[in-house]
C-alpha atoms as a PDB file:
ATOM      1  CA  MET A   1     100.686  63.306 215.255  1.00  0.00           C
ATOM      2  CA  ASN A   2     101.029  66.820 216.701  1.00  0.00           C
ATOM      3  CA  ARG A   3     103.589  65.587 219.204  1.00  0.00           C
ATOM      4  CA  LEU A   4     105.601  64.059 216.347  1.00  0.00           C
ATOM      5  CA  LEU A   5     105.580  67.324 214.392  1.00  0.00           C
ATOM      6  CA  ILE A   6     106.666  69.264 217.459  1.00  0.00           C
ATOM      7  CA  LEU A   7     109.470  66.766 218.083  1.00  0.00           C
ATOM      8  CA  LEU A   8     110.677  67.037 214.478  1.00  0.00           C
ATOM      9  CA  TRP A   9     110.617  70.854 214.713  1.00  0.00           C
ATOM     10  CA  VAL A  10     112.600  70.849 217.946  1.00  0.00           C
ATOM     11  CA  LEU A  11     115.167  68.501 216.438  1.00  0.00           C
ATOM     12  CA  ALA A  12     115.446  70.729 213.373  1.00  0.00           C
ATOM     13  CA  LEU A  13     116.025  73.944 215.346  1.00  0.00           C
ATOM     14  CA  PRO A  14     119.828  73.511 215.694  1.00  0.00           C
ATOM     15  CA  VAL A  15     120.126  72.908 211.927  1.00  0.00           C
ATOM     16  CA  VAL A  16     118.068  76.002 211.155  1.00  0.00           C
ATOM     17  CA  ALA A  17     120.125  78.100 213.568  1.00  0.00           C
ATOM     18  CA  GLN A  18     123.376  76.953 211.959  1.00  0.00           C
ATOM     19  CA  SER A  19     122.019  77.623 208.451  1.00  0.00           C
ATOM     20  CA  GLU A  20     120.949  81.189 209.187  1.00  0.00           C
ATOM     21  CA  PHE A  21     123.467  83.936 208.467  1.00  0.00           C
ATOM     22  CA  LYS A  22     123.867  86.131 211.556  1.00  0.00           C
ATOM     23  CA  GLU A  23     126.297  88.894 212.457  1.00  0.00           C
ATOM     24  CA  PHE A  24     126.902  90.645 215.749  1.00  0.00           C
ATOM     25  CA  SER A  25     126.356  94.382 215.669  1.00  0.00           C
ATOM     26  CA  GLY A  26     127.030  96.780 218.502  1.00  0.00           C
ATOM     27  CA  ALA A  27     127.452  95.548 222.056  1.00  0.00           C
ATOM     28  CA  VAL A  28     124.579  93.050 222.193  1.00  0.00           C
ATOM     29  CA  GLY A  29     122.875  93.339 218.790  1.00  0.00           C
ATOM     30  CA  VAL A  30     122.400  90.624 216.185  1.00  0.00           C
ATOM     31  CA  ILE A  31     121.672  91.072 212.468  1.00  0.00           C
ATOM     32  CA  ASN A  32     119.860  88.046 211.048  1.00  0.00           C
ATOM     33  CA  TRP A  33     120.372  88.204 207.286  1.00  0.00           C
ATOM     34  CA  SER A  34     118.246  85.081 206.750  1.00  0.00           C
ATOM     35  CA  ASN A  35     115.010  86.631 207.969  1.00  0.00           C
ATOM     36  CA  GLY A  36     115.910  90.291 207.548  1.00  0.00           C
ATOM     37  CA  THR A  37     115.798  91.457 211.158  1.00  0.00           C
ATOM     38  CA  VAL A  38     117.916  93.163 213.804  1.00  0.00           C
ATOM     39  CA  SER A  39     117.553  92.277 217.485  1.00  0.00           C
ATOM     40  CA  ALA A  40     119.087  93.455 220.739  1.00  0.00           C
ATOM     41  CA  GLU A  41     118.607  92.871 224.449  1.00  0.00           C
ATOM     42  CA  GLY A  42     118.428  95.243 227.356  1.00  0.00           C
ATOM     43  CA  ASN A  43     118.725  94.772 231.104  1.00  0.00           C
ATOM     44  CA  GLY A  44     117.360  96.801 233.974  1.00  0.00           C
ATOM     45  CA  VAL A  45     117.193  96.800 237.762  1.00  0.00           C
ATOM     46  CA  GLY A  46     114.692  98.382 240.080  1.00  0.00           C
ATOM     47  CA  PRO A  47     115.757 101.344 242.277  1.00  0.00           C
ATOM     48  CA  GLU A  48     117.500 100.371 245.495  1.00  0.00           C
ATOM     49  CA  GLY A  49     115.249 100.754 248.525  1.00  0.00           C
ATOM     50  CA  GLY A  50     112.172 101.257 246.361  1.00  0.00           C
ATOM     51  CA  ASN A  51     108.727  99.748 246.710  1.00  0.00           C
ATOM     52  CA  PRO A  52     108.991  95.970 246.110  1.00  0.00           C
ATOM     53  CA  LYS A  53     105.605  96.022 244.380  1.00  0.00           C
ATOM     54  CA  THR A  54     106.851  98.350 241.656  1.00  0.00           C
ATOM     55  CA  ALA A  55     110.459  97.120 241.498  1.00  0.00           C
ATOM     56  CA  GLY A  56     109.788  94.696 238.659  1.00  0.00           C
ATOM     57  CA  LEU A  57     107.865  97.258 236.621  1.00  0.00           C
ATOM     58  CA  LEU A  58     110.603  99.882 236.999  1.00  0.00           C
ATOM     59  CA  ALA A  59     113.285  97.320 236.211  1.00  0.00           C
ATOM     60  CA  CYS A  60     111.520  96.388 232.962  1.00  0.00           C
ATOM     61  CA  ARG A  61     111.070 100.033 232.073  1.00  0.00           C
ATOM     62  CA  ALA A  62     114.833 100.486 232.449  1.00  0.00           C
ATOM     63  CA  ALA A  63     115.435  97.278 230.468  1.00  0.00           C
ATOM     64  CA  MET A  64     113.218  98.554 227.649  1.00  0.00           C
ATOM     65  CA  ALA A  65     115.157 101.822 227.437  1.00  0.00           C
ATOM     66  CA  ASP A  66     118.431  99.880 227.438  1.00  0.00           C
ATOM     67  CA  ALA A  67     117.178  97.515 224.712  1.00  0.00           C
ATOM     68  CA  GLN A  68     116.079 100.428 222.525  1.00  0.00           C
ATOM     69  CA  ARG A  69     119.491 102.077 222.832  1.00  0.00           C
ATOM     70  CA  ASN A  70     121.194  98.795 221.958  1.00  0.00           C
ATOM     71  CA  LEU A  71     118.822  98.151 219.058  1.00  0.00           C
ATOM     72  CA  LEU A  72     119.474 101.626 217.647  1.00  0.00           C
ATOM     73  CA  GLU A  73     123.217 100.989 217.847  1.00  0.00           C
ATOM     74  CA  ALA A  74     122.850  97.569 216.224  1.00  0.00           C
ATOM     75  CA  SER A  75     120.639  98.853 213.392  1.00  0.00           C
ATOM     76  CA  GLN A  76     123.153 101.556 212.502  1.00  0.00           C
ATOM     77  CA  GLY A  77     125.784  98.844 212.040  1.00  0.00           C
ATOM     78  CA  VAL A  78     123.834  97.214 209.211  1.00  0.00           C
ATOM     79  CA  ARG A  79     125.903  97.123 206.027  1.00  0.00           C
ATOM     80  CA  VAL A  80     124.457  98.930 203.006  1.00  0.00           C
ATOM     81  CA  THR A  81     127.439  98.417 200.714  1.00  0.00           C
ATOM     82  CA  SER A  82     130.907  97.090 201.390  1.00  0.00           C
ATOM     83  CA  GLU A  83     132.004 100.622 202.324  1.00  0.00           C
ATOM     84  CA  THR A  84     128.905 102.135 203.963  1.00  0.00           C
ATOM     85  CA  LEU A  85     126.727 101.411 206.970  1.00  0.00           C
ATOM     86  CA  VAL A  86     123.237 102.572 207.889  1.00  0.00           C
ATOM     87  CA  LYS A  87     124.808 105.035 210.334  1.00  0.00           C
ATOM     88  CA  ASP A  88     126.439 106.838 207.390  1.00  0.00           C
ATOM     89  CA  PHE A  89     123.004 107.372 205.843  1.00  0.00           C
ATOM     90  CA  VAL A  90     121.553 108.409 209.206  1.00  0.00           C
ATOM     91  CA  VAL A  91     124.190 111.119 209.545  1.00  0.00           C
ATOM     92  CA  ALA A  92     123.530 112.363 206.029  1.00  0.00           C
ATOM     93  CA  SER A  93     119.709 112.298 206.140  1.00  0.00           C
ATOM     94  CA  ASP A  94     117.306 113.461 208.841  1.00  0.00           C
ATOM     95  CA  GLU A  95     114.542 111.510 207.117  1.00  0.00           C
ATOM     96  CA  ILE A  96     116.432 108.237 207.449  1.00  0.00           C
ATOM     97  CA  ARG A  97     117.335 109.054 211.061  1.00  0.00           C
ATOM     98  CA  VAL A  98     113.679 109.621 211.933  1.00  0.00           C
ATOM     99  CA  THR A  99     112.717 106.398 210.134  1.00  0.00           C
ATOM    100  CA  VAL A 100     115.251 104.312 212.038  1.00  0.00           C
ATOM    101  CA  GLU A 101     114.366 105.869 215.381  1.00  0.00           C
ATOM    102  CA  GLY A 102     110.680 105.218 214.703  1.00  0.00           C
ATOM    103  CA  LEU A 103     111.339 101.570 213.902  1.00  0.00           C
ATOM    104  CA  VAL A 104     113.326 101.174 217.113  1.00  0.00           C
ATOM    105  CA  LYS A 105     110.500 102.635 219.196  1.00  0.00           C
ATOM    106  CA  GLY A 106     108.003 100.358 217.474  1.00  0.00           C
ATOM    107  CA  ALA A 107     110.139  97.212 217.701  1.00  0.00           C
ATOM    108  CA  THR A 108     108.549  93.894 218.616  1.00  0.00           C
ATOM    109  CA  MET A 109     109.251  92.528 222.088  1.00  0.00           C
ATOM    110  CA  LEU A 110     110.431  88.935 221.776  1.00  0.00           C
ATOM    111  CA  GLU A 111     111.183  88.319 225.438  1.00  0.00           C
ATOM    112  CA  ARG A 112     110.531  89.902 228.822  1.00  0.00           C
ATOM    113  CA  LYS A 113     111.808  88.150 231.916  1.00  0.00           C
ATOM    114  CA  GLU A 114     111.594  89.408 235.493  1.00  0.00           C
ATOM    115  CA  ASP A 115     113.570  87.864 238.322  1.00  0.00           C
ATOM    116  CA  ASP A 116     114.036  89.296 241.802  1.00  0.00           C
ATOM    117  CA  GLY A 117     114.076  92.960 240.848  1.00  0.00           C
ATOM    118  CA  LEU A 118     115.928  92.362 237.594  1.00  0.00           C
ATOM    119  CA  CYS A 119     114.441  92.435 234.098  1.00  0.00           C
ATOM    120  CA  ARG A 120     115.658  91.347 230.653  1.00  0.00           C
ATOM    121  CA  VAL A 121     113.992  92.488 227.441  1.00  0.00           C
ATOM    122  CA  VAL A 122     114.722  91.404 223.832  1.00  0.00           C
ATOM    123  CA  LEU A 123     113.522  93.607 220.954  1.00  0.00           C
ATOM    124  CA  ARG A 124     113.471  92.945 217.209  1.00  0.00           C
ATOM    125  CA  MET A 125     112.879  95.213 214.217  1.00  0.00           C
ATOM    126  CA  PRO A 126     112.672  94.422 210.476  1.00  0.00           C
ATOM    127  CA  LEU A 127     115.197  95.457 207.864  1.00  0.00           C
ATOM    128  CA  ASN A 128     112.587  95.278 205.137  1.00  0.00           C
ATOM    129  CA  GLY A 129     109.774  97.792 204.873  1.00  0.00           C
ATOM    130  CA  GLU A 130     110.500 101.384 205.882  1.00  0.00           C
ATOM    131  CA  MET A 131     114.184 100.781 206.671  1.00  0.00           C
ATOM    132  CA  SER A 132     114.959  99.207 203.308  1.00  0.00           C
ATOM    133  CA  LYS A 133     112.847 101.724 201.428  1.00  0.00           C
ATOM    134  CA  ALA A 134     114.487 104.775 203.026  1.00  0.00           C
ATOM    135  CA  VAL A 135     118.082 103.575 202.828  1.00  0.00           C
ATOM    136  CA  LEU A 136     117.919 102.102 199.316  1.00  0.00           C
ATOM    137  CA  GLN A 137     116.139 105.174 197.963  1.00  0.00           C
ATOM    138  CA  SER A 138     119.136 107.202 199.079  1.00  0.00           C
ATOM    139  CA  ALA A 139     121.681 104.581 197.956  1.00  0.00           C
ATOM    140  CA  TYR A 140     120.182 104.225 194.481  1.00  0.00           C
ATOM    141  CA  ASN A 141     120.046 107.986 193.966  1.00  0.00           C
ATOM    142  CA  ASP A 142     123.627 108.643 195.074  1.00  0.00           C
ATOM    143  CA  GLY A 143     125.965 107.079 192.584  1.00  0.00           C
ATOM    144  CA  ALA A 144     124.457 103.591 192.335  1.00  0.00           C
ATOM    145  CA  PRO A 145     125.730 101.526 189.388  1.00  0.00           C
ATOM    146  CA  THR A 146     123.812 102.095 186.184  1.00  0.00           C
ATOM    147  CA  VAL A 147     121.994  98.941 185.168  1.00  0.00           C
ATOM    148  CA  GLY A 148     123.461  97.460 182.049  1.00  0.00           C
ATOM    149  CA  ALA A 149     126.395  99.877 181.925  1.00  0.00           C
ATOM    150  CA  ALA A 150     129.685  98.519 180.758  1.00  0.00           C
ATOM    151  CA  THR A 151     132.150  97.722 183.507  1.00  0.00           C
ATOM    152  CA  PRO A 152     135.917  98.174 183.525  1.00  0.00           C
ATOM    153  CA  LYS A 153     137.855  95.479 181.735  1.00  0.00           C
ATOM    154  CA  ILE A 154     138.718  92.526 183.934  1.00  0.00           C
ATOM    155  CA  SER A 155     142.358  91.598 184.216  1.00  0.00           C
ATOM    156  CA  LEU A 156     143.439  88.257 182.814  1.00  0.00           C
ATOM    157  CA  LEU A 157     144.385  87.348 186.364  1.00  0.00           C
ATOM    158  CA  ASP A 158     140.662  87.377 187.199  1.00  0.00           C
ATOM    159  CA  TRP A 159     140.206  84.268 185.097  1.00  0.00           C
ATOM    160  CA  PHE A 160     142.465  82.318 187.438  1.00  0.00           C
ATOM    161  CA  ILE A 161     140.940  83.414 190.769  1.00  0.00           C
ATOM    162  CA  PRO A 162     139.491  80.374 192.594  1.00  0.00           C
ATOM    163  CA  THR A 163     135.736  80.231 192.069  1.00  0.00           C
ATOM    164  CA  ALA A 164     132.937  79.631 194.536  1.00  0.00           C
ATOM    165  CA  HIS A 165     132.074  76.331 196.199  1.00  0.00           C
ATOM    166  CA  ALA A 166     129.729  75.383 193.368  1.00  0.00           C
ATOM    167  CA  ASN A 167     132.744  74.740 191.096  1.00  0.00           C
ATOM    168  CA  GLU A 168     131.548  76.811 188.131  1.00  0.00           C
ATOM    169  CA  SER A 169     134.672  78.478 186.773  1.00  0.00           C
ATOM    170  CA  ALA A 170     135.266  81.116 184.136  1.00  0.00           C
ATOM    171  CA  SER A 171     138.402  79.181 183.240  1.00  0.00           C
ATOM    172  CA  GLY A 172     140.443  76.396 184.701  1.00  0.00           C
ATOM    173  CA  MET A 173     143.309  76.596 182.220  1.00  0.00           C
ATOM    174  CA  ASP A 174     146.817  77.870 182.687  1.00  0.00           C
ATOM    175  CA  THR A 175     146.963  80.141 179.603  1.00  0.00           C
ATOM    176  CA  TRP A 176     144.656  82.474 177.761  1.00  0.00           C
ATOM    177  CA  THR A 177     144.911  80.368 174.608  1.00  0.00           C
ATOM    178  CA  SER A 178     143.778  77.192 176.314  1.00  0.00           C
ATOM    179  CA  ALA A 179     140.973  79.102 178.050  1.00  0.00           C
ATOM    180  CA  TYR A 180     139.750  80.447 174.730  1.00  0.00           C
ATOM    181  CA  THR A 181     139.907  76.997 173.166  1.00  0.00           C
ATOM    182  CA  SER A 182     137.967  75.495 176.041  1.00  0.00           C
ATOM    183  CA  LEU A 183     135.275  78.158 175.754  1.00  0.00           C
ATOM    184  CA  SER A 184     134.961  77.588 172.001  1.00  0.00           C
ATOM    185  CA  GLU A 185     134.531  73.870 172.554  1.00  0.00           C
ATOM    186  CA  ARG A 186     131.807  74.478 175.142  1.00  0.00           C
ATOM    187  CA  LEU A 187     129.912  76.803 172.813  1.00  0.00           C
ATOM    188  CA  ALA A 188     130.159  74.272 169.998  1.00  0.00           C
ATOM    189  CA  ALA A 189     128.811  71.542 172.275  1.00  0.00           C
ATOM    190  CA  ILE A 190     125.898  73.755 173.344  1.00  0.00           C
ATOM    191  CA  GLU A 191     125.040  74.596 169.731  1.00  0.00           C
ATOM    192  CA  LYS A 192     125.124  70.924 168.797  1.00  0.00           C
ATOM    193  CA  ARG A 193     122.905  70.086 171.755  1.00  0.00           C
ATOM    194  CA  LEU A 194     120.359  72.723 170.725  1.00  0.00           C
ATOM    195  CA  GLU A 195     120.215  71.311 167.213  1.00  0.00           C
ATOM    196  CA  ILE A 196     118.875  67.957 168.461  1.00  0.00           C
ATOM    197  CA  ILE A 197     116.374  69.286 171.035  1.00  0.00           C
ATOM    198  CA  PRO A 198     112.877  69.436 169.532  1.00  0.00           C
ATOM    199  CA  ASP A 199     111.166  72.825 169.671  1.00  0.00           C
ATOM    200  CA  SER A 200     108.297  71.247 171.594  1.00  0.00           C
ATOM    201  CA  THR A 201     110.736  70.255 174.343  1.00  0.00           C
ATOM    202  CA  LEU A 202     111.961  73.817 174.664  1.00  0.00           C
ATOM    203  CA  ILE A 203     108.401  75.041 174.909  1.00  0.00           C
ATOM    204  CA  ARG A 204     107.544  72.555 177.632  1.00  0.00           C
ATOM    205  CA  GLN A 205     110.632  73.536 179.616  1.00  0.00           C
ATOM    206  CA  SER A 206     109.876  77.234 179.308  1.00  0.00           C
ATOM    207  CA  ASP A 207     106.385  76.664 180.672  1.00  0.00           C
ATOM    208  CA  VAL A 208     107.832  75.636 184.034  1.00  0.00           C
ATOM    209  CA  GLN A 209     109.050  78.911 185.493  1.00  0.00           C
ATOM    210  CA  PRO A 210     111.199  79.145 188.658  1.00  0.00           C
ATOM    211  CA  THR A 211     109.577  80.635 191.731  1.00  0.00           C
ATOM    212  CA  GLY A 212     112.747  82.204 193.116  1.00  0.00           C
ATOM    213  CA  LEU A 213     116.513  82.480 192.763  1.00  0.00           C
ATOM    214  CA  ILE A 214     119.336  81.058 194.875  1.00  0.00           C
ATOM    215  CA  ILE A 215     122.949  82.054 194.215  1.00  0.00           C
ATOM    216  CA  ASP A 216     125.625  79.787 195.660  1.00  0.00           C
ATOM    217  CA  ALA A 217     128.486  82.151 196.516  1.00  0.00           C
ATOM    218  CA  ARG A 218     130.311  79.892 198.957  1.00  0.00           C
ATOM    219  CA  GLY A 219     134.071  80.076 198.636  1.00  0.00           C
ATOM    220  CA  SER A 220     134.055  83.742 197.647  1.00  0.00           C
ATOM    221  CA  ASN A 221     134.652  86.662 200.007  1.00  0.00           C
ATOM    222  CA  PHE A 222     131.171  88.041 199.398  1.00  0.00           C
ATOM    223  CA  ILE A 223     129.477  89.657 202.403  1.00  0.00           C
ATOM    224  CA  PRO A 224     125.790  90.403 203.104  1.00  0.00           C
ATOM    225  CA  SER A 225     124.379  93.893 202.659  1.00  0.00           C
ATOM    226  CA  LEU A 226     121.148  95.741 201.987  1.00  0.00           C
ATOM    227  CA  SER A 227     122.144  96.463 198.376  1.00  0.00           C
ATOM    228  CA  PRO A 228     123.993  93.529 196.792  1.00  0.00           C
ATOM    229  CA  ASN A 229     124.516  93.521 193.019  1.00  0.00           C
ATOM    230  CA  ILE A 230     124.784  90.517 190.707  1.00  0.00           C
ATOM    231  CA  ARG A 231     126.964  91.087 187.620  1.00  0.00           C
ATOM    232  CA  GLN A 232     127.965  89.147 184.558  1.00  0.00           C
ATOM    233  CA  VAL A 233     131.648  88.508 183.889  1.00  0.00           C
ATOM    234  CA  LYS A 234     132.219  91.301 181.365  1.00  0.00           C
ATOM    235  CA  GLY A 235     129.013  93.265 181.572  1.00  0.00           C
ATOM    236  CA  GLY A 236     126.791  95.283 183.807  1.00  0.00           C
ATOM    237  CA  VAL A 237     124.426  94.609 186.670  1.00  0.00           C
ATOM    238  CA  VAL A 238     121.980  91.778 186.020  1.00  0.00           C
ATOM    239  CA  TYR A 239     120.139  92.049 189.327  1.00  0.00           C
ATOM    240  CA  PRO A 240     118.569  94.205 190.552  1.00  0.00           C
ATOM    241  CA  ASN A 241     117.652  95.707 187.183  1.00  0.00           C
ATOM    242  CA  LYS A 242     115.645  98.919 186.850  1.00  0.00           C
ATOM    243  CA  ARG A 243     112.236  97.233 187.151  1.00  0.00           C
ATOM    244  CA  ALA A 244     113.342  95.168 190.146  1.00  0.00           C
ATOM    245  CA  ARG A 245     114.684  98.273 191.877  1.00  0.00           C
ATOM    246  CA  GLY A 246     111.377 100.007 191.362  1.00  0.00           C
ATOM    247  CA  SER A 247     109.550  97.064 192.939  1.00  0.00           C
ATOM    248  CA  ILE A 248     112.021  96.916 195.838  1.00  0.00           C
ATOM    249  CA  LEU A 249     111.547 100.607 196.608  1.00  0.00           C
ATOM    250  CA  ASP A 250     107.765 100.489 196.235  1.00  0.00           C
ATOM    251  CA  ASP A 251     107.341  97.465 198.488  1.00  0.00           C
ATOM    252  CA  GLY A 252     110.260  98.078 200.822  1.00  0.00           C
ATOM    253  CA  LYS A 253     111.427  94.499 200.369  1.00  0.00           C
ATOM    254  CA  MET A 254     115.011  93.365 200.701  1.00  0.00           C
ATOM    255  CA  VAL A 255     117.127  92.894 197.586  1.00  0.00           C
ATOM    256  CA  ALA A 256     118.191  89.477 198.883  1.00  0.00           C
ATOM    257  CA  LEU A 257     118.314  87.354 201.998  1.00  0.00           C
ATOM    258  CA  PHE A 258     121.399  85.350 202.959  1.00  0.00           C
ATOM    259  CA  ALA A 259     121.988  81.841 204.292  1.00  0.00           C
ATOM    260  CA  ARG A 260     124.820  79.434 205.074  1.00  0.00           C
ATOM    261  CA  ASN A 261     123.294  76.280 203.627  1.00  0.00           C
ATOM    262  CA  VAL A 262     121.928  75.538 200.139  1.00  0.00           C
ATOM    263  CA  ASP A 263     119.359  73.021 201.389  1.00  0.00           C
ATOM    264  CA  PHE A 264     118.102  75.554 203.921  1.00  0.00           C
ATOM    265  CA  ALA A 265     117.841  78.166 201.156  1.00  0.00           C
ATOM    266  CA  MET A 266     116.030  75.758 198.819  1.00  0.00           C
ATOM    267  CA  ALA A 267     113.390  75.121 201.486  1.00  0.00           C
ATOM    268  CA  HIS A 268     113.009  78.810 202.414  1.00  0.00           C
ATOM    269  CA  PRO A 269     109.518  80.201 201.713  1.00  0.00           C
ATOM    270  CA  LYS A 270     111.119  83.317 200.224  1.00  0.00           C
ATOM    271  CA  VAL A 271     112.009  81.438 197.004  1.00  0.00           C
ATOM    272  CA  GLY A 272     108.919  79.259 196.678  1.00  0.00           C
ATOM    273  CA  GLY A 273     108.759  75.614 195.661  1.00  0.00           C
ATOM    274  CA  ARG A 274     110.845  75.708 192.443  1.00  0.00           C
ATOM    275  CA  PRO A 275     113.847  77.999 192.972  1.00  0.00           C
ATOM    276  CA  LEU A 276     116.548  78.311 190.332  1.00  0.00           C
ATOM    277  CA  LEU A 277     120.093  77.613 191.597  1.00  0.00           C
ATOM    278  CA  VAL A 278     122.887  79.690 190.039  1.00  0.00           C
ATOM    279  CA  LYS A 279     126.592  79.420 190.800  1.00  0.00           C
ATOM    280  CA  GLY A 280     128.507  82.511 191.875  1.00  0.00           C
ATOM    281  CA  LEU A 281     132.069  82.928 190.678  1.00  0.00           C
ATOM    282  CA  ARG A 282     133.717  85.676 192.712  1.00  0.00           C
ATOM    283  CA  THR A 283     133.307  89.217 193.944  1.00  0.00           C
ATOM    284  CA  TRP A 284     133.595  92.090 191.497  1.00  0.00           C
ATOM    285  CA  GLY A 285     136.581  94.431 191.609  1.00  0.00           C
ATOM    286  CA  LYS A 286     137.417  95.626 195.110  1.00  0.00           C
ATOM    287  CA  THR A 287     133.836  95.471 196.358  1.00  0.00           C
ATOM    288  CA  ARG A 288     132.572  92.577 198.448  1.00  0.00           C
ATOM    289  CA  THR A 289     128.887  93.256 197.952  1.00  0.00           C
ATOM    290  CA  GLU A 290     128.871  92.706 194.180  1.00  0.00           C
ATOM    291  CA  LEU A 291     129.013  89.166 192.833  1.00  0.00           C
ATOM    292  CA  VAL A 292     130.012  87.908 189.388  1.00  0.00           C
ATOM    293  CA  ILE A 293     128.142  85.075 187.672  1.00  0.00           C
ATOM    294  CA  SER A 294     128.916  83.368 184.366  1.00  0.00           C
ATOM    295  CA  LYS A 295     127.789  84.772 181.034  1.00  0.00           C
ATOM    296  CA  GLU A 296     125.407  81.855 180.528  1.00  0.00           C
ATOM    297  CA  SER A 297     123.765  82.376 183.931  1.00  0.00           C
ATOM    298  CA  ALA A 298     123.586  86.132 183.341  1.00  0.00           C
ATOM    299  CA  GLU A 299     121.839  85.650 180.014  1.00  0.00           C
ATOM    300  CA  LYS A 300     119.281  83.379 181.640  1.00  0.00           C
ATOM    301  CA  LEU A 301     118.606  85.850 184.443  1.00  0.00           C
ATOM    302  CA  THR A 302     118.380  88.723 181.954  1.00  0.00           C
ATOM    303  CA  GLN A 303     115.757  86.823 179.995  1.00  0.00           C
ATOM    304  CA  MET A 304     113.834  86.055 183.186  1.00  0.00           C
ATOM    305  CA  ALA A 305     114.090  89.702 184.261  1.00  0.00           C
ATOM    306  CA  SER A 306     112.594  90.796 180.923  1.00  0.00           C
ATOM    307  CA  ASN A 307     109.497  88.824 181.928  1.00  0.00           C
ATOM    308  CA  ASP A 308     109.385  90.655 185.296  1.00  0.00           C
ATOM    309  CA  PHE A 309     110.590  87.562 187.177  1.00  0.00           C
ATOM    310  CA  PHE A 310     112.202  89.665 189.922  1.00  0.00           C
ATOM    311  CA  ILE A 311     109.076  91.702 190.585  1.00  0.00           C
ATOM    312  CA  ASN A 312     107.648  88.902 192.722  1.00  0.00           C
ATOM    313  CA  ALA A 313     110.380  86.256 193.054  1.00  0.00           C
ATOM    314  CA  GLY A 314     112.637  86.193 196.111  1.00  0.00           C
ATOM    315  CA  VAL A 315     116.429  85.934 196.058  1.00  0.00           C
ATOM    316  CA  ILE A 316     118.712  84.181 198.561  1.00  0.00           C
ATOM    317  CA  ILE A 317     122.528  84.247 198.432  1.00  0.00           C
ATOM    318  CA  VAL A 318     124.342  81.370 200.143  1.00  0.00           C
ATOM    319  CA  LEU A 319     127.631  82.227 201.851  1.00  0.00           C
ATOM    320  CA  ASP A 320     130.177  80.409 203.994  1.00  0.00           C
END
């Protein structure tokens, strides 16, 4: 039985690797947005003509120093918003610089390989915890969007921008009149549907609460970051709201993880066994780290947020 489980895991590894959202950062660094880590490798060689007995040790010491330099470079390339990187916060704050440098020095060694006087070391550090706490504290205090604040009016052209892969569209019509008519018909159908649903059914449905949130943003130009925002079409930020931000800062957890596959996201332990799937429409304004969802989805998330859903529930955003 154990051999079968191991075989199934090995066979699943390529699928998992393809479903994770990774970005290269620096010369040899990798940001894994699906597990919230940054990794980098380093290489070293023992001194020429040195003692063969200590050559491997000295080579690995050099490899460790190289890996730490590369990891520091990679970590500073992490995106905080569409316009800022961690390195911008490091330059502006000695506290954040010390935090990042401390995380690099305390990074986990994933691999150490010696071979004939050469050594290769791979280090990994988390984005959640102290990194997230320090950077987001600064980001939220320096001009972060006010939760629930009204946003600039959206141009009519926004209604005709192609929506995300999930095919939920703010409008599919060619004119404003037809779009308005279509919306009115949808609202009428919803009201009629609610009239025939017994109250007991609504109560039973409300008893089964989601354990996490997945937002399908495939097809948009959304990009991963430490501080993504989810907005409604003509309103303010739905997530993270004020309570969720407080929890994020207190616990140092990430606002959201990212993946390339909905099935992978649905099975991710971050969102539990009953995640809610919401369809993303498009990015907001000129930013690529803020995502627009429909009014109906926003209302549902707002209601869930009022019950402190986001205090404990995880969020995963699926991208191309």
